[in-house]
């Protein structure tokens, strides 16, 4: 094998590995920064460093969970018209041994980081275990499946709070849960619309009207609890509420009109208005919290 062919093979393997570990999905792990912002610690260099390490640990943990899920679904994905081409294991771009090799490497890195931040490491380990049971059984159980997805976001927030040693606000807990349930419900809705009940086993128990009602309840809860938190605990942050409301409206528009939402990450990264809205919301929050340092 000549040098050019080796380089080409290495490049294709690297690209397939990046697809397998779902690098784009790492944006979900930015939820770990929420406690840093709301605790007013975003000017503390040590706190920023600790949460950044937590972000990296969750990137490792979430990638391990994605690989495990793909290993369990490899045969089913091979019969799927889209996943058979997009998933590296199903398409044959990567072998099972290569996938397991990545799991070992990421596990060792996670172990090293967990020794450094053992409390965060425990949270990430529980996240991986939760996703393991999700992959083998829980993702086939209606309602439980969307709650498991949502709990993953809550665990990210909790890990961020552990990293900077602050308690998790009950408001933040319930708001994050409702927001995640909103995203998960619309994800199921789009899967039903695009792939029908054959898209995944659990979809046989859902219909569009039902998951749409779930999304309505969850989005209302997210807005209500966030607004109550602001009005009772951080009244100066009242100007952040319109950005939250616009973000929910914009995301629902993407789902209904542009048929996005099957992948919340893709919907976010492909829409500049949503990105700008989130950045403005974060800017308002940090600007409001900065003077008091709280």
C-alpha atoms as a PDB file:
ATOM      1  CA  UNK A   1       0.000   0.000   0.000  1.00  0.00           C
ATOM      2  CA  UNK A   2       1.534   3.327  -1.086  1.00  0.00           C
ATOM      3  CA  UNK A   3       1.672   6.524   0.964  1.00  0.00           C
ATOM      4  CA  UNK A   4      -1.269   8.212  -0.778  1.00  0.00           C
ATOM      5  CA  UNK A   5      -3.584   5.263  -0.257  1.00  0.00           C
ATOM      6  CA  UNK A   6      -2.573   5.027   3.404  1.00  0.00           C
ATOM      7  CA  UNK A   7      -3.244   8.726   3.874  1.00  0.00           C
ATOM      8  CA  UNK A   8      -6.597   8.406   2.120  1.00  0.00           C
ATOM      9  CA  UNK A   9      -7.557   5.435   4.270  1.00  0.00           C
ATOM     10  CA  UNK A  10      -6.491   7.248   7.442  1.00  0.00           C
ATOM     11  CA  UNK A  11      -8.538  10.306   6.462  1.00  0.00           C
ATOM     12  CA  UNK A  12     -11.658   8.263   5.718  1.00  0.00           C
ATOM     13  CA  UNK A  13     -11.281   6.360   8.997  1.00  0.00           C
ATOM     14  CA  UNK A  14     -10.862   9.620  10.912  1.00  0.00           C
ATOM     15  CA  UNK A  15     -13.952  11.164   9.308  1.00  0.00           C
ATOM     16  CA  UNK A  16     -15.968   8.016   9.998  1.00  0.00           C
ATOM     17  CA  UNK A  17     -14.799   8.058  13.630  1.00  0.00           C
ATOM     18  CA  UNK A  18     -15.929  11.665  14.015  1.00  0.00           C
ATOM     19  CA  UNK A  19     -19.333  10.683  12.651  1.00  0.00           C
ATOM     20  CA  UNK A  20     -19.495   7.748  15.054  1.00  0.00           C
ATOM     21  CA  UNK A  21     -18.773   9.835  18.146  1.00  0.00           C
ATOM     22  CA  UNK A  22     -21.293  12.499  16.969  1.00  0.00           C
ATOM     23  CA  UNK A  23     -19.082  15.572  17.392  1.00  0.00           C
ATOM     24  CA  UNK A  24     -21.963  17.874  16.394  1.00  0.00           C
ATOM     25  CA  UNK A  25     -24.010  16.506  19.280  1.00  0.00           C
ATOM     26  CA  UNK A  26     -21.423  17.795  21.741  1.00  0.00           C
ATOM     27  CA  UNK A  27     -23.257  21.118  21.636  1.00  0.00           C
ATOM     28  CA  UNK A  28     -25.753  19.524  24.051  1.00  0.00           C
ATOM     29  CA  UNK A  29     -22.999  19.336  26.633  1.00  0.00           C
ATOM     30  CA  UNK A  30     -22.891  23.133  26.872  1.00  0.00           C
ATOM     31  CA  UNK A  31     -25.713  22.710  29.414  1.00  0.00           C
ATOM     32  CA  UNK A  32     -22.953  22.101  31.974  1.00  0.00           C
ATOM     33  CA  UNK A  33     -22.150  25.829  31.797  1.00  0.00           C
ATOM     34  CA  UNK A  34     -25.613  26.886  33.032  1.00  0.00           C
ATOM     35  CA  UNK A  35     -24.759  26.748  36.776  1.00  0.00           C
ATOM     36  CA  UNK A  36     -21.561  28.698  36.085  1.00  0.00           C
ATOM     37  CA  UNK A  37     -23.603  31.535  34.577  1.00  0.00           C
ATOM     38  CA  UNK A  38     -26.455  31.587  37.079  1.00  0.00           C
ATOM     39  CA  UNK A  39     -24.101  31.326  40.055  1.00  0.00           C
ATOM     40  CA  UNK A  40     -22.287  34.423  38.763  1.00  0.00           C
ATOM     41  CA  UNK A  41     -18.970  32.579  38.496  1.00  0.00           C
ATOM     42  CA  UNK A  42     -18.302  33.243  34.809  1.00  0.00           C
ATOM     43  CA  UNK A  43     -15.458  35.634  35.716  1.00  0.00           C
ATOM     44  CA  UNK A  44     -13.780  33.090  38.007  1.00  0.00           C
ATOM     45  CA  UNK A  45     -10.936  31.479  36.038  1.00  0.00           C
ATOM     46  CA  UNK A  46     -10.853  28.344  38.214  1.00  0.00           C
ATOM     47  CA  UNK A  47     -14.601  27.827  37.889  1.00  0.00           C
ATOM     48  CA  UNK A  48     -14.384  28.289  34.113  1.00  0.00           C
ATOM     49  CA  UNK A  49     -11.548  25.764  33.934  1.00  0.00           C
ATOM     50  CA  UNK A  50     -13.403  23.212  36.094  1.00  0.00           C
ATOM     51  CA  UNK A  51     -16.590  23.460  34.042  1.00  0.00           C
ATOM     52  CA  UNK A  52     -14.598  23.243  30.807  1.00  0.00           C
ATOM     53  CA  UNK A  53     -13.107  19.967  32.027  1.00  0.00           C
ATOM     54  CA  UNK A  54     -16.624  18.822  32.910  1.00  0.00           C
ATOM     55  CA  UNK A  55     -17.707  19.692  29.373  1.00  0.00           C
ATOM     56  CA  UNK A  56     -14.880  17.555  27.947  1.00  0.00           C
ATOM     57  CA  UNK A  57     -15.734  14.652  30.264  1.00  0.00           C
ATOM     58  CA  UNK A  58     -19.354  14.763  29.143  1.00  0.00           C
ATOM     59  CA  UNK A  59     -18.214  14.848  25.512  1.00  0.00           C
ATOM     60  CA  UNK A  60     -16.301  11.620  26.171  1.00  0.00           C
ATOM     61  CA  UNK A  61     -19.228  10.078  28.053  1.00  0.00           C
ATOM     62  CA  UNK A  62     -21.854  11.030  25.476  1.00  0.00           C
ATOM     63  CA  UNK A  63     -19.670   9.691  22.648  1.00  0.00           C
ATOM     64  CA  UNK A  64     -19.278   6.381  24.480  1.00  0.00           C
ATOM     65  CA  UNK A  65     -23.079   6.255  24.807  1.00  0.00           C
ATOM     66  CA  UNK A  66     -23.518   6.947  21.069  1.00  0.00           C
ATOM     67  CA  UNK A  67     -21.068   4.202  20.128  1.00  0.00           C
ATOM     68  CA  UNK A  68     -22.771   1.692  22.418  1.00  0.00           C
ATOM     69  CA  UNK A  69     -26.155   2.601  20.933  1.00  0.00           C
ATOM     70  CA  UNK A  70     -24.853   2.123  17.383  1.00  0.00           C
ATOM     71  CA  UNK A  71     -23.330  -1.236  18.294  1.00  0.00           C
ATOM     72  CA  UNK A  72     -26.695  -2.443  19.578  1.00  0.00           C
ATOM     73  CA  UNK A  73     -28.550  -1.044  16.550  1.00  0.00           C
ATOM     74  CA  UNK A  74     -26.095  -2.049  13.832  1.00  0.00           C
ATOM     75  CA  UNK A  75     -28.295  -4.734  12.229  1.00  0.00           C
ATOM     76  CA  UNK A  76     -31.432  -2.594  12.343  1.00  0.00           C
ATOM     77  CA  UNK A  77     -29.550   0.408  10.956  1.00  0.00           C
ATOM     78  CA  UNK A  78     -28.330  -1.660   8.010  1.00  0.00           C
ATOM     79  CA  UNK A  79     -31.964  -2.088   6.941  1.00  0.00           C
ATOM     80  CA  UNK A  80     -32.759   1.615   7.365  1.00  0.00           C
ATOM     81  CA  UNK A  81     -32.747   3.662   4.124  1.00  0.00           C
ATOM     82  CA  UNK A  82     -30.890   6.623   5.683  1.00  0.00           C
ATOM     83  CA  UNK A  83     -28.995   5.222   8.666  1.00  0.00           C
ATOM     84  CA  UNK A  84     -27.520   2.468   6.505  1.00  0.00           C
ATOM     85  CA  UNK A  85     -25.539   5.206   4.758  1.00  0.00           C
ATOM     86  CA  UNK A  86     -25.060   7.736   7.563  1.00  0.00           C
ATOM     87  CA  UNK A  87     -24.058   5.456  10.431  1.00  0.00           C
ATOM     88  CA  UNK A  88     -20.386   4.368  10.060  1.00  0.00           C
ATOM     89  CA  UNK A  89     -20.962   0.906  11.558  1.00  0.00           C
ATOM     90  CA  UNK A  90     -24.036   0.182   9.472  1.00  0.00           C
ATOM     91  CA  UNK A  91     -22.387   1.431   6.273  1.00  0.00           C
ATOM     92  CA  UNK A  92     -19.214  -0.545   6.891  1.00  0.00           C
ATOM     93  CA  UNK A  93     -16.965   2.514   7.136  1.00  0.00           C
ATOM     94  CA  UNK A  94     -15.852   1.286  10.553  1.00  0.00           C
ATOM     95  CA  UNK A  95     -15.701  -2.207  12.040  1.00  0.00           C
ATOM     96  CA  UNK A  96     -17.028  -3.281  15.413  1.00  0.00           C
ATOM     97  CA  UNK A  97     -13.458  -3.711  16.654  1.00  0.00           C
ATOM     98  CA  UNK A  98     -12.611  -0.141  15.697  1.00  0.00           C
ATOM     99  CA  UNK A  99     -15.709   1.094  17.517  1.00  0.00           C
ATOM    100  CA  UNK A 100     -14.799  -0.911  20.607  1.00  0.00           C
ATOM    101  CA  UNK A 101     -11.286   0.499  20.383  1.00  0.00           C
ATOM    102  CA  UNK A 102     -12.702   4.006  20.568  1.00  0.00           C
ATOM    103  CA  UNK A 103     -14.791   3.001  23.586  1.00  0.00           C
ATOM    104  CA  UNK A 104     -11.642   1.747  25.343  1.00  0.00           C
ATOM    105  CA  UNK A 105      -9.657   4.901  24.519  1.00  0.00           C
ATOM    106  CA  UNK A 106     -12.457   7.235  25.595  1.00  0.00           C
ATOM    107  CA  UNK A 107     -13.041   5.187  28.763  1.00  0.00           C
ATOM    108  CA  UNK A 108      -9.384   5.514  29.728  1.00  0.00           C
ATOM    109  CA  UNK A 109      -9.477   9.269  29.132  1.00  0.00           C
ATOM    110  CA  UNK A 110     -12.681   9.474  31.148  1.00  0.00           C
ATOM    111  CA  UNK A 111     -11.104   7.454  33.951  1.00  0.00           C
ATOM    112  CA  UNK A 112      -8.149   9.840  34.062  1.00  0.00           C
ATOM    113  CA  UNK A 113     -10.442  12.863  34.123  1.00  0.00           C
ATOM    114  CA  UNK A 114     -12.683  11.186  36.689  1.00  0.00           C
ATOM    115  CA  UNK A 115      -9.733  10.767  39.042  1.00  0.00           C
ATOM    116  CA  UNK A 116      -9.079  14.476  38.663  1.00  0.00           C
ATOM    117  CA  UNK A 117     -12.741  15.421  39.152  1.00  0.00           C
ATOM    118  CA  UNK A 118     -14.158  12.325  40.796  1.00  0.00           C
ATOM    119  CA  UNK A 119     -17.568  13.807  41.670  1.00  0.00           C
ATOM    120  CA  UNK A 120     -18.150  14.842  38.066  1.00  0.00           C
ATOM    121  CA  UNK A 121     -16.780  11.480  36.930  1.00  0.00           C
ATOM    122  CA  UNK A 122     -19.455   9.709  38.967  1.00  0.00           C
ATOM    123  CA  UNK A 123     -22.199  11.774  37.288  1.00  0.00           C
ATOM    124  CA  UNK A 124     -20.802  10.987  33.824  1.00  0.00           C
ATOM    125  CA  UNK A 125     -20.562   7.286  34.708  1.00  0.00           C
ATOM    126  CA  UNK A 126     -24.215   7.289  35.805  1.00  0.00           C
ATOM    127  CA  UNK A 127     -25.081   9.034  32.546  1.00  0.00           C
ATOM    128  CA  UNK A 128     -23.338   6.283  30.547  1.00  0.00           C
ATOM    129  CA  UNK A 129     -25.094   3.563  32.554  1.00  0.00           C
ATOM    130  CA  UNK A 130     -28.454   5.254  32.019  1.00  0.00           C
ATOM    131  CA  UNK A 131     -27.809   5.387  28.287  1.00  0.00           C
ATOM    132  CA  UNK A 132     -26.680   1.754  28.277  1.00  0.00           C
ATOM    133  CA  UNK A 133     -30.041   0.668  29.679  1.00  0.00           C
ATOM    134  CA  UNK A 134     -31.722   3.106  27.302  1.00  0.00           C
ATOM    135  CA  UNK A 135     -30.006   1.417  24.350  1.00  0.00           C
ATOM    136  CA  UNK A 136     -30.930  -2.120  25.348  1.00  0.00           C
ATOM    137  CA  UNK A 137     -34.451  -1.614  26.692  1.00  0.00           C
ATOM    138  CA  UNK A 138     -35.714   1.777  27.845  1.00  0.00           C
ATOM    139  CA  UNK A 139     -35.786   3.399  24.399  1.00  0.00           C
ATOM    140  CA  UNK A 140     -38.540   0.975  23.451  1.00  0.00           C
ATOM    141  CA  UNK A 141     -40.777   2.065  26.354  1.00  0.00           C
ATOM    142  CA  UNK A 142     -43.204   4.889  25.518  1.00  0.00           C
ATOM    143  CA  UNK A 143     -42.981   8.059  27.625  1.00  0.00           C
ATOM    144  CA  UNK A 144     -40.032   6.590  29.540  1.00  0.00           C
ATOM    145  CA  UNK A 145     -37.917   7.057  26.418  1.00  0.00           C
ATOM    146  CA  UNK A 146     -38.432  10.820  26.205  1.00  0.00           C
ATOM    147  CA  UNK A 147     -37.928  11.197  29.959  1.00  0.00           C
ATOM    148  CA  UNK A 148     -34.611   9.335  29.776  1.00  0.00           C
ATOM    149  CA  UNK A 149     -33.440  11.684  27.008  1.00  0.00           C
ATOM    150  CA  UNK A 150     -34.507  14.653  29.126  1.00  0.00           C
ATOM    151  CA  UNK A 151     -32.867  13.393  32.305  1.00  0.00           C
ATOM    152  CA  UNK A 152     -29.602  13.357  30.369  1.00  0.00           C
ATOM    153  CA  UNK A 153     -29.821  17.149  30.057  1.00  0.00           C
ATOM    154  CA  UNK A 154     -30.609  17.516  33.754  1.00  0.00           C
ATOM    155  CA  UNK A 155     -27.542  15.412  34.567  1.00  0.00           C
ATOM    156  CA  UNK A 156     -25.404  17.766  32.483  1.00  0.00           C
ATOM    157  CA  UNK A 157     -26.652  20.728  34.506  1.00  0.00           C
ATOM    158  CA  UNK A 158     -26.091  18.831  37.747  1.00  0.00           C
ATOM    159  CA  UNK A 159     -22.528  17.966  36.700  1.00  0.00           C
ATOM    160  CA  UNK A 160     -21.850  21.639  36.013  1.00  0.00           C
ATOM    161  CA  UNK A 161     -23.117  22.522  39.485  1.00  0.00           C
ATOM    162  CA  UNK A 162     -20.950  19.807  41.059  1.00  0.00           C
ATOM    163  CA  UNK A 163     -17.907  21.117  39.203  1.00  0.00           C
ATOM    164  CA  UNK A 164     -18.219  24.595  40.753  1.00  0.00           C
ATOM    165  CA  UNK A 165     -19.567  23.284  44.073  1.00  0.00           C
ATOM    166  CA  UNK A 166     -22.905  25.094  44.037  1.00  0.00           C
ATOM    167  CA  UNK A 167     -26.357  23.605  44.739  1.00  0.00           C
ATOM    168  CA  UNK A 168     -28.650  22.964  41.798  1.00  0.00           C
ATOM    169  CA  UNK A 169     -31.518  25.411  41.897  1.00  0.00           C
ATOM    170  CA  UNK A 170     -34.934  23.675  41.906  1.00  0.00           C
ATOM    171  CA  UNK A 171     -35.980  26.233  39.295  1.00  0.00           C
ATOM    172  CA  UNK A 172     -33.085  25.287  37.049  1.00  0.00           C
ATOM    173  CA  UNK A 173     -33.826  21.598  37.520  1.00  0.00           C
ATOM    174  CA  UNK A 174     -37.484  21.777  36.524  1.00  0.00           C
ATOM    175  CA  UNK A 175     -36.908  24.323  33.734  1.00  0.00           C
ATOM    176  CA  UNK A 176     -34.189  22.167  32.177  1.00  0.00           C
ATOM    177  CA  UNK A 177     -36.393  19.080  32.441  1.00  0.00           C
ATOM    178  CA  UNK A 178     -39.331  20.815  30.750  1.00  0.00           C
ATOM    179  CA  UNK A 179     -37.154  22.271  28.000  1.00  0.00           C
ATOM    180  CA  UNK A 180     -35.597  18.872  27.307  1.00  0.00           C
ATOM    181  CA  UNK A 181     -39.033  17.201  27.267  1.00  0.00           C
ATOM    182  CA  UNK A 182     -40.132  19.820  24.737  1.00  0.00           C
ATOM    183  CA  UNK A 183     -37.176  19.018  22.453  1.00  0.00           C
ATOM    184  CA  UNK A 184     -37.578  15.249  22.879  1.00  0.00           C
ATOM    185  CA  UNK A 185     -41.324  15.373  22.147  1.00  0.00           C
ATOM    186  CA  UNK A 186     -40.817  17.353  18.947  1.00  0.00           C
ATOM    187  CA  UNK A 187     -38.040  14.957  17.958  1.00  0.00           C
ATOM    188  CA  UNK A 188     -40.498  12.061  18.214  1.00  0.00           C
ATOM    189  CA  UNK A 189     -43.076  14.085  16.300  1.00  0.00           C
ATOM    190  CA  UNK A 190     -40.707  14.645  13.395  1.00  0.00           C
ATOM    191  CA  UNK A 191     -39.698  10.991  13.395  1.00  0.00           C
ATOM    192  CA  UNK A 192     -43.353  10.049  13.075  1.00  0.00           C
ATOM    193  CA  UNK A 193     -43.890  12.498  10.233  1.00  0.00           C
ATOM    194  CA  UNK A 194     -40.734  11.588   8.306  1.00  0.00           C
ATOM    195  CA  UNK A 195     -40.429   7.846   8.930  1.00  0.00           C
ATOM    196  CA  UNK A 196     -43.802   6.778  10.277  1.00  0.00           C
ATOM    197  CA  UNK A 197     -44.279   4.180  12.970  1.00  0.00           C
ATOM    198  CA  UNK A 198     -41.635   1.977  11.355  1.00  0.00           C
ATOM    199  CA  UNK A 199     -38.884   4.505  12.066  1.00  0.00           C
ATOM    200  CA  UNK A 200     -38.211   3.064  15.517  1.00  0.00           C
ATOM    201  CA  UNK A 201     -40.033   0.541  17.681  1.00  0.00           C
ATOM    202  CA  UNK A 202     -41.315   2.994  20.280  1.00  0.00           C
ATOM    203  CA  UNK A 203     -43.062   5.095  17.624  1.00  0.00           C
ATOM    204  CA  UNK A 204     -45.696   2.371  17.339  1.00  0.00           C
ATOM    205  CA  UNK A 205     -47.042   3.638  20.669  1.00  0.00           C
ATOM    206  CA  UNK A 206     -47.185   7.294  19.655  1.00  0.00           C
ATOM    207  CA  UNK A 207     -49.122   9.475  17.258  1.00  0.00           C
ATOM    208  CA  UNK A 208     -48.475  13.029  16.086  1.00  0.00           C
ATOM    209  CA  UNK A 209     -51.344  14.515  18.073  1.00  0.00           C
ATOM    210  CA  UNK A 210     -50.182  12.925  21.329  1.00  0.00           C
ATOM    211  CA  UNK A 211     -46.535  13.991  21.161  1.00  0.00           C
ATOM    212  CA  UNK A 212     -47.642  17.451  20.027  1.00  0.00           C
ATOM    213  CA  UNK A 213     -49.641  17.759  23.256  1.00  0.00           C
ATOM    214  CA  UNK A 214     -46.577  16.618  25.218  1.00  0.00           C
ATOM    215  CA  UNK A 215     -44.541  19.362  23.507  1.00  0.00           C
ATOM    216  CA  UNK A 216     -47.163  22.007  24.317  1.00  0.00           C
ATOM    217  CA  UNK A 217     -47.241  21.051  27.994  1.00  0.00           C
ATOM    218  CA  UNK A 218     -43.448  20.921  28.245  1.00  0.00           C
ATOM    219  CA  UNK A 219     -42.850  24.250  26.467  1.00  0.00           C
ATOM    220  CA  UNK A 220     -45.464  25.952  28.654  1.00  0.00           C
ATOM    221  CA  UNK A 221     -43.797  24.502  31.740  1.00  0.00           C
ATOM    222  CA  UNK A 222     -40.330  25.610  30.629  1.00  0.00           C
ATOM    223  CA  UNK A 223     -41.473  29.191  30.015  1.00  0.00           C
ATOM    224  CA  UNK A 224     -43.575  29.324  33.185  1.00  0.00           C
ATOM    225  CA  UNK A 225     -40.914  27.970  35.542  1.00  0.00           C
ATOM    226  CA  UNK A 226     -38.162  30.088  33.990  1.00  0.00           C
ATOM    227  CA  UNK A 227     -40.329  33.206  34.302  1.00  0.00           C
ATOM    228  CA  UNK A 228     -41.200  32.403  37.925  1.00  0.00           C
ATOM    229  CA  UNK A 229     -37.506  31.920  38.686  1.00  0.00           C
ATOM    230  CA  UNK A 230     -36.663  35.288  37.147  1.00  0.00           C
ATOM    231  CA  UNK A 231     -39.537  37.186  38.768  1.00  0.00           C
ATOM    232  CA  UNK A 232     -38.923  35.761  42.259  1.00  0.00           C
ATOM    233  CA  UNK A 233     -35.142  35.331  42.381  1.00  0.00           C
ATOM    234  CA  UNK A 234     -33.536  37.399  39.615  1.00  0.00           C
ATOM    235  CA  UNK A 235     -35.960  40.252  38.727  1.00  0.00           C
ATOM    236  CA  UNK A 236     -33.189  42.092  36.877  1.00  0.00           C
ATOM    237  CA  UNK A 237     -33.157  39.219  34.372  1.00  0.00           C
ATOM    238  CA  UNK A 238     -36.700  39.983  33.222  1.00  0.00           C
ATOM    239  CA  UNK A 239     -35.363  41.159  29.854  1.00  0.00           C
ATOM    240  CA  UNK A 240     -34.090  37.632  29.179  1.00  0.00           C
ATOM    241  CA  UNK A 241     -37.641  36.228  29.104  1.00  0.00           C
ATOM    242  CA  UNK A 242     -38.502  37.531  25.594  1.00  0.00           C
ATOM    243  CA  UNK A 243     -35.447  35.724  24.204  1.00  0.00           C
ATOM    244  CA  UNK A 244     -36.602  32.457  25.778  1.00  0.00           C
ATOM    245  CA  UNK A 245     -40.079  32.969  24.361  1.00  0.00           C
ATOM    246  CA  UNK A 246     -38.746  33.834  20.913  1.00  0.00           C
ATOM    247  CA  UNK A 247     -36.407  30.826  20.990  1.00  0.00           C
ATOM    248  CA  UNK A 248     -39.314  28.473  21.675  1.00  0.00           C
ATOM    249  CA  UNK A 249     -41.416  30.096  18.939  1.00  0.00           C
ATOM    250  CA  UNK A 250     -38.532  29.976  16.457  1.00  0.00           C
ATOM    251  CA  UNK A 251     -37.730  26.342  17.160  1.00  0.00           C
ATOM    252  CA  UNK A 252     -41.359  25.336  16.758  1.00  0.00           C
ATOM    253  CA  UNK A 253     -41.437  27.234  13.471  1.00  0.00           C
ATOM    254  CA  UNK A 254     -38.434  25.229  12.270  1.00  0.00           C
ATOM    255  CA  UNK A 255     -40.213  22.009  13.204  1.00  0.00           C
ATOM    256  CA  UNK A 256     -43.596  22.849  11.700  1.00  0.00           C
ATOM    257  CA  UNK A 257     -42.643  24.838   8.608  1.00  0.00           C
ATOM    258  CA  UNK A 258     -39.167  23.601   7.705  1.00  0.00           C
ATOM    259  CA  UNK A 259     -39.536  20.017   8.967  1.00  0.00           C
ATOM    260  CA  UNK A 260     -36.519  20.280  11.269  1.00  0.00           C
ATOM    261  CA  UNK A 261     -36.519  18.908  14.809  1.00  0.00           C
ATOM    262  CA  UNK A 262     -35.656  15.250  14.251  1.00  0.00           C
ATOM    263  CA  UNK A 263     -32.191  16.352  15.313  1.00  0.00           C
ATOM    264  CA  UNK A 264     -32.402  19.368  17.675  1.00  0.00           C
ATOM    265  CA  UNK A 265     -28.667  19.921  17.228  1.00  0.00           C
ATOM    266  CA  UNK A 266     -28.956  20.148  13.436  1.00  0.00           C
ATOM    267  CA  UNK A 267     -31.922  22.500  13.783  1.00  0.00           C
ATOM    268  CA  UNK A 268     -29.906  24.754  16.082  1.00  0.00           C
ATOM    269  CA  UNK A 269     -26.676  24.774  14.099  1.00  0.00           C
ATOM    270  CA  UNK A 270     -28.444  25.388  10.794  1.00  0.00           C
ATOM    271  CA  UNK A 271     -30.507  28.398  11.900  1.00  0.00           C
ATOM    272  CA  UNK A 272     -28.662  31.658  12.492  1.00  0.00           C
ATOM    273  CA  UNK A 273     -31.680  33.307  14.154  1.00  0.00           C
ATOM    274  CA  UNK A 274     -31.799  30.608  16.812  1.00  0.00           C
ATOM    275  CA  UNK A 275     -28.049  30.862  17.382  1.00  0.00           C
ATOM    276  CA  UNK A 276     -28.240  34.665  17.700  1.00  0.00           C
ATOM    277  CA  UNK A 277     -31.202  34.367  20.076  1.00  0.00           C
ATOM    278  CA  UNK A 278     -29.302  32.001  22.374  1.00  0.00           C
ATOM    279  CA  UNK A 279     -26.216  34.232  22.321  1.00  0.00           C
ATOM    280  CA  UNK A 280     -28.295  37.318  23.117  1.00  0.00           C
ATOM    281  CA  UNK A 281     -30.059  35.461  25.940  1.00  0.00           C
ATOM    282  CA  UNK A 282     -26.709  34.396  27.408  1.00  0.00           C
ATOM    283  CA  UNK A 283     -25.361  37.924  27.008  1.00  0.00           C
ATOM    284  CA  UNK A 284     -28.322  39.470  28.837  1.00  0.00           C
ATOM    285  CA  UNK A 285     -28.016  36.920  31.652  1.00  0.00           C
ATOM    286  CA  UNK A 286     -24.288  37.508  32.100  1.00  0.00           C
ATOM    287  CA  UNK A 287     -24.627  41.279  31.851  1.00  0.00           C
ATOM    288  CA  UNK A 288     -27.383  41.231  34.480  1.00  0.00           C
ATOM    289  CA  UNK A 289     -25.553  38.933  36.869  1.00  0.00           C
ATOM    290  CA  UNK A 290     -22.107  40.493  36.451  1.00  0.00           C
ATOM    291  CA  UNK A 291     -22.483  43.621  38.643  1.00  0.00           C
ATOM    292  CA  UNK A 292     -23.671  41.742  41.740  1.00  0.00           C
ATOM    293  CA  UNK A 293     -21.369  38.746  41.223  1.00  0.00           C
ATOM    294  CA  UNK A 294     -24.310  36.528  42.214  1.00  0.00           C
END
